[in-house]
N, C-alpha and C. Protein backbone atom coordinates (compact mmCIF):
# COMPACT_ATOMS: atom_id res chain seq x y z
N MET A 1 15.73 94.42 102.66
CA MET A 1 16.86 93.69 103.10
C MET A 1 18.00 93.75 102.07
N ASN A 2 17.65 93.84 100.90
CA ASN A 2 18.62 93.99 99.84
C ASN A 2 19.44 95.27 100.03
N ARG A 3 18.72 96.27 100.41
CA ARG A 3 19.37 97.54 100.66
C ARG A 3 20.28 97.45 101.86
N SER A 4 19.89 96.80 102.82
CA SER A 4 20.66 96.63 104.04
C SER A 4 21.94 95.84 103.77
N LYS A 5 21.80 94.79 102.97
CA LYS A 5 22.99 94.00 102.61
C LYS A 5 23.95 94.84 101.76
N SER A 6 23.39 95.64 100.88
CA SER A 6 24.22 96.48 100.04
C SER A 6 24.98 97.48 100.88
N ARG A 7 24.29 98.07 101.85
CA ARG A 7 24.95 99.04 102.72
C ARG A 7 26.04 98.38 103.53
N ARG A 8 25.78 97.19 104.03
CA ARG A 8 26.80 96.48 104.80
C ARG A 8 28.00 96.13 103.90
N LEU A 9 27.70 95.68 102.73
CA LEU A 9 28.75 95.33 101.79
C LEU A 9 29.60 96.57 101.44
N VAL A 10 28.93 97.69 101.19
CA VAL A 10 29.64 98.93 100.90
C VAL A 10 30.47 99.34 102.11
N GLY A 11 29.92 99.19 103.30
CA GLY A 11 30.64 99.54 104.53
C GLY A 11 31.89 98.68 104.70
N VAL A 12 31.73 97.38 104.48
CA VAL A 12 32.86 96.47 104.59
C VAL A 12 33.92 96.82 103.55
N LEU A 13 33.50 97.15 102.33
CA LEU A 13 34.45 97.53 101.27
C LEU A 13 35.22 98.79 101.65
N PHE A 14 34.49 99.77 102.23
CA PHE A 14 35.18 100.99 102.67
C PHE A 14 36.20 100.69 103.76
N ILE A 15 35.86 99.81 104.67
CA ILE A 15 36.80 99.44 105.74
C ILE A 15 38.02 98.74 105.15
N LEU A 16 37.79 97.79 104.23
CA LEU A 16 38.90 97.08 103.60
C LEU A 16 39.76 98.04 102.76
N MET A 17 39.11 98.95 102.08
CA MET A 17 39.86 99.91 101.28
C MET A 17 40.69 100.83 102.19
N SER A 18 40.16 101.24 103.31
CA SER A 18 40.89 102.07 104.27
C SER A 18 42.11 101.34 104.79
N LEU A 19 41.95 100.06 105.11
CA LEU A 19 43.09 99.28 105.61
C LEU A 19 44.15 99.11 104.52
N SER A 20 43.72 98.88 103.29
CA SER A 20 44.71 98.73 102.22
C SER A 20 45.46 100.03 101.96
N ILE A 21 44.78 101.16 102.08
CA ILE A 21 45.46 102.46 101.91
C ILE A 21 46.47 102.66 103.02
N LEU A 22 46.10 102.31 104.26
CA LEU A 22 47.03 102.43 105.37
C LEU A 22 48.25 101.54 105.17
N THR A 23 48.03 100.34 104.70
CA THR A 23 49.13 99.41 104.47
C THR A 23 50.03 99.94 103.35
N ALA A 24 49.45 100.41 102.27
CA ALA A 24 50.23 100.95 101.17
C ALA A 24 50.97 102.21 101.62
N SER A 25 50.30 103.04 102.39
CA SER A 25 50.94 104.25 102.88
C SER A 25 52.12 103.93 103.78
N ALA A 26 51.97 102.98 104.64
CA ALA A 26 53.06 102.59 105.53
C ALA A 26 54.23 102.04 104.72
N PHE A 27 53.93 101.29 103.69
CA PHE A 27 54.98 100.73 102.86
C PHE A 27 55.71 101.82 102.08
N VAL A 28 55.01 102.73 101.51
CA VAL A 28 55.60 103.77 100.68
C VAL A 28 56.42 104.75 101.51
N TYR A 29 55.99 105.05 102.73
CA TYR A 29 56.65 106.08 103.50
C TYR A 29 57.70 105.58 104.48
N GLN A 30 58.07 104.34 104.42
CA GLN A 30 59.16 103.86 105.25
C GLN A 30 60.48 104.30 104.64
N GLN A 31 61.40 104.78 105.47
CA GLN A 31 62.72 105.15 104.97
C GLN A 31 63.73 104.99 106.08
N ALA A 32 64.99 104.88 105.69
CA ALA A 32 66.08 104.75 106.65
C ALA A 32 67.27 105.53 106.10
N ASN A 33 68.14 105.95 106.98
CA ASN A 33 69.34 106.69 106.58
C ASN A 33 70.58 105.90 106.95
N GLN A 34 71.59 106.04 106.13
CA GLN A 34 72.88 105.42 106.41
C GLN A 34 73.94 106.47 106.12
N THR A 35 74.98 106.55 106.94
CA THR A 35 76.06 107.50 106.71
C THR A 35 77.38 106.76 106.56
N VAL A 36 78.27 107.36 105.82
CA VAL A 36 79.62 106.84 105.64
C VAL A 36 80.57 107.97 106.00
N ASP A 37 81.40 107.77 107.01
CA ASP A 37 82.34 108.79 107.47
C ASP A 37 83.75 108.45 107.02
N GLN A 38 84.53 109.49 106.80
CA GLN A 38 85.93 109.30 106.45
C GLN A 38 86.69 110.57 106.79
N ASN A 39 87.92 110.42 107.29
CA ASN A 39 88.80 111.55 107.54
C ASN A 39 89.83 111.63 106.44
N ILE A 40 90.05 112.80 105.90
CA ILE A 40 91.09 113.01 104.90
C ILE A 40 92.32 113.48 105.65
N VAL A 41 93.42 112.75 105.50
CA VAL A 41 94.65 113.03 106.22
C VAL A 41 95.61 113.77 105.30
N GLU A 42 96.09 114.90 105.76
CA GLU A 42 97.07 115.67 105.00
C GLU A 42 98.40 114.91 105.01
N VAL A 43 98.92 114.56 103.83
CA VAL A 43 100.16 113.78 103.78
C VAL A 43 101.39 114.66 103.83
N ALA A 44 101.22 115.95 103.55
CA ALA A 44 102.40 116.82 103.54
C ALA A 44 101.99 118.28 103.71
N THR A 45 102.89 119.02 104.35
CA THR A 45 102.75 120.47 104.46
C THR A 45 103.96 121.08 103.76
N ILE A 46 103.71 121.94 102.78
CA ILE A 46 104.78 122.48 101.94
C ILE A 46 104.95 123.98 102.22
N THR A 47 106.22 124.40 102.33
CA THR A 47 106.56 125.82 102.44
C THR A 47 107.54 126.14 101.32
N LEU A 48 107.27 127.22 100.59
CA LEU A 48 108.13 127.61 99.47
C LEU A 48 108.65 129.02 99.68
N LYS A 49 109.85 129.28 99.14
CA LYS A 49 110.42 130.62 99.17
C LYS A 49 110.59 131.10 97.73
N SER A 50 110.21 132.33 97.50
CA SER A 50 110.46 132.95 96.20
C SER A 50 111.77 133.72 96.28
N SER A 51 112.44 133.87 95.17
CA SER A 51 113.72 134.58 95.19
C SER A 51 113.85 135.47 93.98
N ASP A 52 114.71 136.46 94.12
CA ASP A 52 115.03 137.40 93.04
C ASP A 52 116.52 137.28 92.77
N LEU A 53 116.87 136.85 91.56
CA LEU A 53 118.28 136.67 91.21
C LEU A 53 118.94 137.97 90.80
N GLY A 54 118.19 139.03 90.65
CA GLY A 54 118.78 140.31 90.25
C GLY A 54 119.02 140.37 88.76
N ASN A 55 119.96 141.20 88.36
CA ASN A 55 120.26 141.42 86.94
C ASN A 55 121.42 140.55 86.49
N ILE A 56 121.40 140.23 85.22
CA ILE A 56 122.51 139.54 84.57
C ILE A 56 122.67 140.13 83.18
N ASP A 57 123.91 140.33 82.77
CA ASP A 57 124.17 140.88 81.44
C ASP A 57 124.04 139.78 80.39
N GLU A 58 123.56 140.16 79.22
CA GLU A 58 123.46 139.18 78.13
C GLU A 58 124.84 138.59 77.87
N GLY A 59 124.86 137.29 77.64
CA GLY A 59 126.12 136.61 77.37
C GLY A 59 126.88 136.15 78.60
N ASP A 60 126.56 136.67 79.79
CA ASP A 60 127.23 136.22 81.02
C ASP A 60 126.69 134.85 81.45
N THR A 61 127.46 134.17 82.26
CA THR A 61 126.99 132.95 82.90
C THR A 61 127.22 133.11 84.39
N LYS A 62 126.17 132.85 85.17
CA LYS A 62 126.27 132.95 86.62
C LYS A 62 125.63 131.73 87.26
N THR A 63 126.25 131.30 88.34
CA THR A 63 125.66 130.25 89.17
C THR A 63 125.32 130.86 90.51
N TYR A 64 124.09 130.66 90.94
CA TYR A 64 123.59 131.22 92.19
C TYR A 64 123.35 130.08 93.19
N THR A 65 123.83 130.27 94.41
CA THR A 65 123.59 129.32 95.50
C THR A 65 123.00 130.09 96.67
N LYS A 66 122.74 129.38 97.74
CA LYS A 66 122.19 130.04 98.93
C LYS A 66 123.19 131.02 99.53
N ALA A 67 124.48 130.88 99.21
CA ALA A 67 125.48 131.84 99.67
C ALA A 67 125.30 133.19 98.97
N ASP A 68 124.79 133.16 97.72
CA ASP A 68 124.56 134.38 96.94
C ASP A 68 123.16 134.95 97.17
N VAL A 69 122.17 134.07 97.21
CA VAL A 69 120.77 134.44 97.35
C VAL A 69 120.19 133.57 98.46
N ALA A 70 119.99 134.16 99.62
CA ALA A 70 119.58 133.39 100.81
C ALA A 70 118.31 132.56 100.58
N GLU A 71 117.37 133.06 99.78
CA GLU A 71 116.11 132.36 99.56
C GLU A 71 116.28 131.04 98.80
N LEU A 72 117.44 130.81 98.20
CA LEU A 72 117.69 129.54 97.52
C LEU A 72 117.99 128.42 98.51
N GLY A 73 118.33 128.79 99.75
CA GLY A 73 118.51 127.80 100.81
C GLY A 73 117.16 127.39 101.36
N SER A 74 116.92 126.11 101.45
CA SER A 74 115.62 125.59 101.87
C SER A 74 114.50 126.23 101.06
N ALA A 75 114.70 126.30 99.75
CA ALA A 75 113.70 126.88 98.85
C ALA A 75 112.39 126.11 98.92
N ILE A 76 112.49 124.82 99.18
CA ILE A 76 111.31 123.97 99.40
C ILE A 76 111.50 123.30 100.75
N SER A 77 110.53 123.45 101.62
CA SER A 77 110.50 122.71 102.90
C SER A 77 109.19 121.94 102.94
N ILE A 78 109.27 120.72 103.38
CA ILE A 78 108.08 119.88 103.41
C ILE A 78 108.14 118.96 104.61
N THR A 79 107.03 118.80 105.26
CA THR A 79 106.91 117.84 106.36
C THR A 79 105.88 116.81 105.95
N THR A 80 106.29 115.55 105.96
CA THR A 80 105.38 114.48 105.55
C THR A 80 104.90 113.71 106.78
N THR A 81 103.69 113.21 106.69
CA THR A 81 103.10 112.44 107.79
C THR A 81 103.19 110.94 107.57
N LYS A 82 103.71 110.56 106.42
CA LYS A 82 103.86 109.13 106.12
C LYS A 82 105.05 108.94 105.20
N ALA A 83 105.50 107.71 105.11
CA ALA A 83 106.63 107.38 104.23
C ALA A 83 106.13 107.30 102.79
N ASN A 84 107.07 107.38 101.87
CA ASN A 84 106.83 107.26 100.44
C ASN A 84 105.81 108.27 99.93
N VAL A 85 106.07 109.52 100.23
CA VAL A 85 105.35 110.63 99.60
C VAL A 85 106.22 111.07 98.43
N TYR A 86 105.60 111.35 97.30
CA TYR A 86 106.35 111.69 96.09
C TYR A 86 106.18 113.17 95.77
N LEU A 87 107.32 113.83 95.58
CA LEU A 87 107.34 115.25 95.28
C LEU A 87 107.40 115.43 93.77
N HIS A 88 106.49 116.24 93.24
CA HIS A 88 106.43 116.55 91.81
C HIS A 88 106.73 118.03 91.63
N LEU A 89 107.63 118.35 90.71
CA LEU A 89 107.97 119.74 90.40
C LEU A 89 107.61 120.00 88.94
N ASP A 90 106.75 120.97 88.72
CA ASP A 90 106.35 121.35 87.37
C ASP A 90 106.71 122.82 87.18
N SER A 91 107.50 123.11 86.16
CA SER A 91 107.92 124.49 85.92
C SER A 91 107.55 124.93 84.52
N ASP A 92 107.71 126.23 84.31
CA ASP A 92 107.50 126.78 82.97
C ASP A 92 108.83 127.17 82.33
N LEU A 93 109.91 126.48 82.71
CA LEU A 93 111.24 126.78 82.16
C LEU A 93 111.28 126.70 80.64
N ASN A 94 110.47 125.82 80.06
CA ASN A 94 110.47 125.68 78.60
C ASN A 94 110.07 126.97 77.91
N SER A 95 109.35 127.85 78.59
CA SER A 95 108.96 129.13 77.97
C SER A 95 110.12 130.12 77.93
N LEU A 96 111.22 129.84 78.64
CA LEU A 96 112.36 130.76 78.68
C LEU A 96 113.45 130.38 77.67
N ASP A 97 113.22 129.36 76.90
CA ASP A 97 114.20 128.88 75.95
C ASP A 97 114.64 129.96 74.96
N THR A 98 113.78 130.90 74.62
CA THR A 98 114.13 131.96 73.67
C THR A 98 115.05 133.02 74.30
N TYR A 99 115.11 133.06 75.64
CA TYR A 99 115.91 134.09 76.33
C TYR A 99 117.23 133.58 76.90
N TYR A 100 117.38 132.26 77.04
CA TYR A 100 118.56 131.72 77.72
C TYR A 100 119.20 130.60 76.91
N ASN A 101 120.54 130.62 76.90
CA ASN A 101 121.29 129.46 76.40
C ASN A 101 121.26 128.37 77.45
N THR A 102 121.35 128.78 78.72
CA THR A 102 121.35 127.84 79.85
C THR A 102 120.47 128.40 80.95
N TYR A 103 119.61 127.56 81.48
CA TYR A 103 118.86 127.91 82.70
C TYR A 103 118.61 126.58 83.40
N ASN A 104 119.50 126.26 84.32
CA ASN A 104 119.41 125.00 85.05
C ASN A 104 119.09 125.27 86.51
N ILE A 105 118.17 124.52 87.05
CA ILE A 105 117.86 124.57 88.48
C ILE A 105 118.15 123.18 89.05
N VAL A 106 119.21 123.10 89.84
CA VAL A 106 119.57 121.84 90.51
C VAL A 106 118.91 121.87 91.88
N VAL A 107 118.11 120.86 92.15
CA VAL A 107 117.40 120.74 93.43
C VAL A 107 118.15 119.70 94.26
N LYS A 108 118.64 120.15 95.44
CA LYS A 108 119.43 119.26 96.30
C LYS A 108 118.76 119.04 97.65
N PHE A 109 118.86 117.80 98.13
CA PHE A 109 118.42 117.51 99.50
C PHE A 109 119.34 118.28 100.45
N ILE A 110 118.79 118.97 101.43
CA ILE A 110 119.61 119.64 102.43
C ILE A 110 119.25 119.18 103.84
N THR A 111 117.97 118.94 104.08
CA THR A 111 117.52 118.37 105.36
C THR A 111 116.80 117.08 105.05
N VAL A 112 117.25 116.00 105.69
CA VAL A 112 116.72 114.67 105.42
C VAL A 112 116.43 113.99 106.76
N PRO A 113 115.25 113.40 106.94
CA PRO A 113 114.97 112.68 108.19
C PRO A 113 115.87 111.46 108.33
N GLY A 114 116.08 111.04 109.57
CA GLY A 114 116.88 109.84 109.82
C GLY A 114 116.27 108.62 109.15
N LEU A 115 117.11 107.67 108.82
CA LEU A 115 116.75 106.40 108.18
C LEU A 115 116.37 106.53 106.71
N SER A 116 116.50 107.73 106.13
CA SER A 116 116.22 107.90 104.70
C SER A 116 117.39 107.35 103.90
N SER A 117 117.10 106.95 102.68
CA SER A 117 118.16 106.51 101.78
C SER A 117 118.88 107.70 101.13
N HIS A 118 118.34 108.91 101.32
CA HIS A 118 118.95 110.12 100.77
C HIS A 118 119.87 110.76 101.81
N ASP A 119 120.86 111.49 101.32
CA ASP A 119 121.79 112.22 102.19
C ASP A 119 121.75 113.70 101.85
N PRO A 120 122.02 114.56 102.84
CA PRO A 120 122.13 115.99 102.54
C PRO A 120 123.21 116.21 101.48
N GLY A 121 122.89 117.05 100.51
CA GLY A 121 123.82 117.32 99.41
C GLY A 121 123.55 116.49 98.17
N ASP A 122 122.79 115.39 98.28
CA ASP A 122 122.43 114.60 97.10
C ASP A 122 121.55 115.43 96.17
N VAL A 123 121.73 115.24 94.87
CA VAL A 123 120.88 115.91 93.89
C VAL A 123 119.56 115.15 93.78
N ALA A 124 118.45 115.86 93.99
CA ALA A 124 117.12 115.26 93.86
C ALA A 124 116.68 115.26 92.40
N CYS A 125 116.96 116.38 91.69
CA CYS A 125 116.62 116.48 90.28
C CYS A 125 117.22 117.75 89.71
N THR A 126 117.18 117.87 88.40
CA THR A 126 117.60 119.08 87.71
C THR A 126 116.50 119.47 86.73
N LEU A 127 116.09 120.74 86.80
CA LEU A 127 115.09 121.27 85.88
C LEU A 127 115.80 122.13 84.84
N THR A 128 115.43 121.95 83.57
CA THR A 128 116.01 122.73 82.47
C THR A 128 114.88 123.08 81.50
N PRO A 129 115.14 124.00 80.55
CA PRO A 129 114.11 124.27 79.54
C PRO A 129 113.74 123.02 78.73
N ALA A 130 114.68 122.14 78.51
CA ALA A 130 114.39 120.90 77.77
C ALA A 130 113.66 119.88 78.64
N SER A 131 113.84 119.98 79.94
CA SER A 131 113.20 119.05 80.87
C SER A 131 112.66 119.86 82.07
N PRO A 132 111.54 120.57 81.85
CA PRO A 132 111.06 121.54 82.85
C PRO A 132 110.30 120.93 84.03
N ASP A 133 109.94 119.67 83.93
CA ASP A 133 109.14 119.04 84.99
C ASP A 133 109.84 117.80 85.51
N TYR A 134 109.61 117.51 86.79
CA TYR A 134 110.18 116.31 87.37
C TYR A 134 109.19 115.73 88.36
N SER A 135 108.98 114.45 88.26
CA SER A 135 108.08 113.80 89.21
C SER A 135 108.81 112.70 89.94
N SER A 136 108.24 112.33 91.02
CA SER A 136 108.69 111.15 91.77
C SER A 136 109.99 111.32 92.53
N ILE A 137 110.20 112.48 93.18
CA ILE A 137 111.27 112.54 94.17
C ILE A 137 110.69 111.80 95.38
N ASP A 138 111.23 110.64 95.66
CA ASP A 138 110.67 109.77 96.71
C ASP A 138 111.13 110.25 98.09
N LEU A 139 110.20 110.72 98.87
CA LEU A 139 110.47 111.07 100.26
C LEU A 139 110.17 109.79 101.04
N ASP A 140 111.19 108.97 101.20
CA ASP A 140 111.02 107.57 101.60
C ASP A 140 110.68 107.35 103.07
N VAL A 141 110.85 108.34 103.92
CA VAL A 141 110.45 108.23 105.32
C VAL A 141 109.67 109.49 105.70
N SER A 142 108.87 109.39 106.73
CA SER A 142 108.12 110.57 107.16
C SER A 142 109.02 111.49 107.96
N GLY A 143 108.70 112.78 107.94
CA GLY A 143 109.49 113.74 108.69
C GLY A 143 109.67 115.03 107.93
N SER A 144 110.66 115.82 108.36
CA SER A 144 110.93 117.13 107.76
C SER A 144 112.02 117.03 106.70
N TRP A 145 111.76 117.62 105.56
CA TRP A 145 112.65 117.63 104.42
C TRP A 145 112.87 119.08 103.98
N ALA A 146 114.04 119.36 103.43
CA ALA A 146 114.29 120.68 102.83
C ALA A 146 115.20 120.50 101.62
N PHE A 147 114.99 121.38 100.64
CA PHE A 147 115.73 121.31 99.38
C PHE A 147 116.30 122.69 99.06
N ASP A 148 117.58 122.72 98.71
CA ASP A 148 118.22 123.95 98.24
C ASP A 148 118.16 123.97 96.72
N PHE A 149 118.16 125.17 96.17
CA PHE A 149 118.27 125.36 94.72
C PHE A 149 119.66 125.90 94.41
N GLU A 150 120.26 125.39 93.34
CA GLU A 150 121.45 125.98 92.73
C GLU A 150 121.06 126.28 91.29
N ILE A 151 121.15 127.54 90.92
CA ILE A 151 120.67 127.97 89.60
C ILE A 151 121.82 128.51 88.77
N THR A 152 121.94 128.02 87.53
CA THR A 152 122.92 128.52 86.58
C THR A 152 122.16 129.10 85.40
N THR A 153 122.49 130.36 85.07
CA THR A 153 121.83 131.02 83.94
C THR A 153 122.87 131.60 83.00
N SER A 154 122.55 131.56 81.73
CA SER A 154 123.37 132.18 80.69
C SER A 154 122.40 132.74 79.65
N PRO A 155 122.11 134.05 79.73
CA PRO A 155 121.12 134.61 78.80
C PRO A 155 121.67 134.82 77.40
N LYS A 156 120.75 134.78 76.44
CA LYS A 156 121.07 135.11 75.06
C LYS A 156 121.06 136.64 74.92
N SER A 157 121.40 137.14 73.73
CA SER A 157 121.32 138.57 73.45
C SER A 157 119.87 139.01 73.39
N VAL A 158 119.62 140.23 73.89
CA VAL A 158 118.28 140.80 73.85
C VAL A 158 118.36 142.20 73.24
N ASP A 159 117.26 142.68 72.68
CA ASP A 159 117.22 144.01 72.08
C ASP A 159 117.00 145.10 73.12
N SER A 160 116.40 144.73 74.25
CA SER A 160 116.17 145.68 75.35
C SER A 160 116.10 144.87 76.65
N ASN A 161 116.15 145.57 77.76
CA ASN A 161 116.06 144.88 79.05
C ASN A 161 114.80 144.00 79.07
N THR A 162 114.97 142.77 79.49
CA THR A 162 113.87 141.81 79.48
C THR A 162 113.76 141.14 80.84
N ALA A 163 112.62 141.30 81.47
CA ALA A 163 112.37 140.65 82.75
C ALA A 163 111.84 139.24 82.49
N THR A 164 112.38 138.28 83.23
CA THR A 164 111.91 136.89 83.10
C THR A 164 111.54 136.37 84.48
N THR A 165 110.63 135.42 84.49
CA THR A 165 110.18 134.79 85.73
C THR A 165 110.00 133.31 85.47
N VAL A 166 110.43 132.51 86.43
CA VAL A 166 110.21 131.06 86.39
C VAL A 166 109.21 130.74 87.49
N THR A 167 108.20 129.96 87.14
CA THR A 167 107.23 129.49 88.12
C THR A 167 107.39 127.99 88.28
N ILE A 168 107.53 127.56 89.53
CA ILE A 168 107.65 126.12 89.83
C ILE A 168 106.48 125.76 90.73
N THR A 169 105.71 124.79 90.30
CA THR A 169 104.60 124.28 91.09
C THR A 169 105.07 123.01 91.78
N VAL A 170 104.90 122.97 93.10
CA VAL A 170 105.35 121.82 93.89
C VAL A 170 104.12 121.08 94.38
N LEU A 171 104.09 119.79 94.17
CA LEU A 171 102.96 118.96 94.56
C LEU A 171 103.48 117.73 95.28
N ALA A 172 102.89 117.41 96.41
CA ALA A 172 103.25 116.19 97.15
C ALA A 172 102.08 115.23 97.06
N LYS A 173 102.37 113.98 96.66
CA LYS A 173 101.32 112.97 96.51
C LYS A 173 101.77 111.68 97.19
N SER A 174 100.80 110.93 97.63
CA SER A 174 101.14 109.66 98.27
C SER A 174 101.24 108.52 97.25
N THR A 175 101.10 108.86 95.98
CA THR A 175 101.28 107.88 94.90
C THR A 175 102.18 108.49 93.84
N VAL A 176 102.83 107.64 93.08
CA VAL A 176 103.70 108.11 92.00
C VAL A 176 102.84 108.76 90.99
């Protein structure tokens, strides 16, 4: 009878152990998923035009407008989907300081959406070798915008023909 009780006890222990494993297994293998969705909205679409100013003699001073170089008209076009988008212009004009006495790029509003505080012809900013970057041109209402460039250059003396290039990076942000 001792043996019989031992077998029953062992049997009961195996049953209890099996149930505890099932309970632990169920607890360990429970899982749930959660998702977080978000749409990223494009605040602006930018179109840029590159231009070639041609040759200039050392010591000359020339001012170029869209009448002289068509690509300077609407050199930057941007369509915003919301108000208060800020346009940032970063250039490498400071690297041209050794080649030019003057290299000014005046950026003017030419197309302005209705209800804006800006008017066509207003100066948005001026880029120079001393001040090659400009941030925070406030596009205060949503819509289509365009900017003309007026460029004045006066090169220094050079020992041989020297090609120069200005790169302007345009960035639109919804924050300053």
